Amino acid sequence: MVKTKQNAKKDMFVKIGEEKLKMNRGIGFFKEIGILPKRTGENLEGIGFILMSLEMGEPFTVLEVLKAGLAIHDIEETDIENYVFEEADIEKLCQELMDFFEQSAYKKMVLEAKKVIEKTGGMEGVTQEAINQSAMNKSQETVSDTTQA
């Protein structure tokens, strides 16, 4: 597949010390943050919690996401911890990480989690019940679209 400007994914780099490190967006990253195959409900809930934590600027979530994304590099965890807690602009970094998730293989799930969070007003909204309700609403919209046509 040829990448065009429209569908090219923007890489994320983190500069820790003198090193500019590329965030991994591969399967290992998602497994490391608990996103696993054949667990759509749990994955949506997990991504929802991560997004809400990033939106609130929660530094421990930033730390865990960075550790997972930088695990492919030879870098000490203490260097990542020092960066997050002593050097980073957390608000800016959280926004960059949310953008990173939106450009990942889980883009559709990230956008769905954001919708559920917006409708329900918080992390507790990203539950299996909310997921089921969202799916039911979509199927009802589809039925009403076909009956109106």
Foldseek 3Di string as FASTA:
>chain_A
DDDDPVLDFDWDWDQQPNDTATFDQDPQLCVQQPNDPPCLLVNLLSLLVLLQCLQVLPLVSLLSSVCSRRVVDPDDSVSSVCCSPPPDPSNVSSVVVLSNCCSGPCVVSNVVSVVQCVVVVHSVSSHPVNVVVVVVVVVVVVVVVVVVD
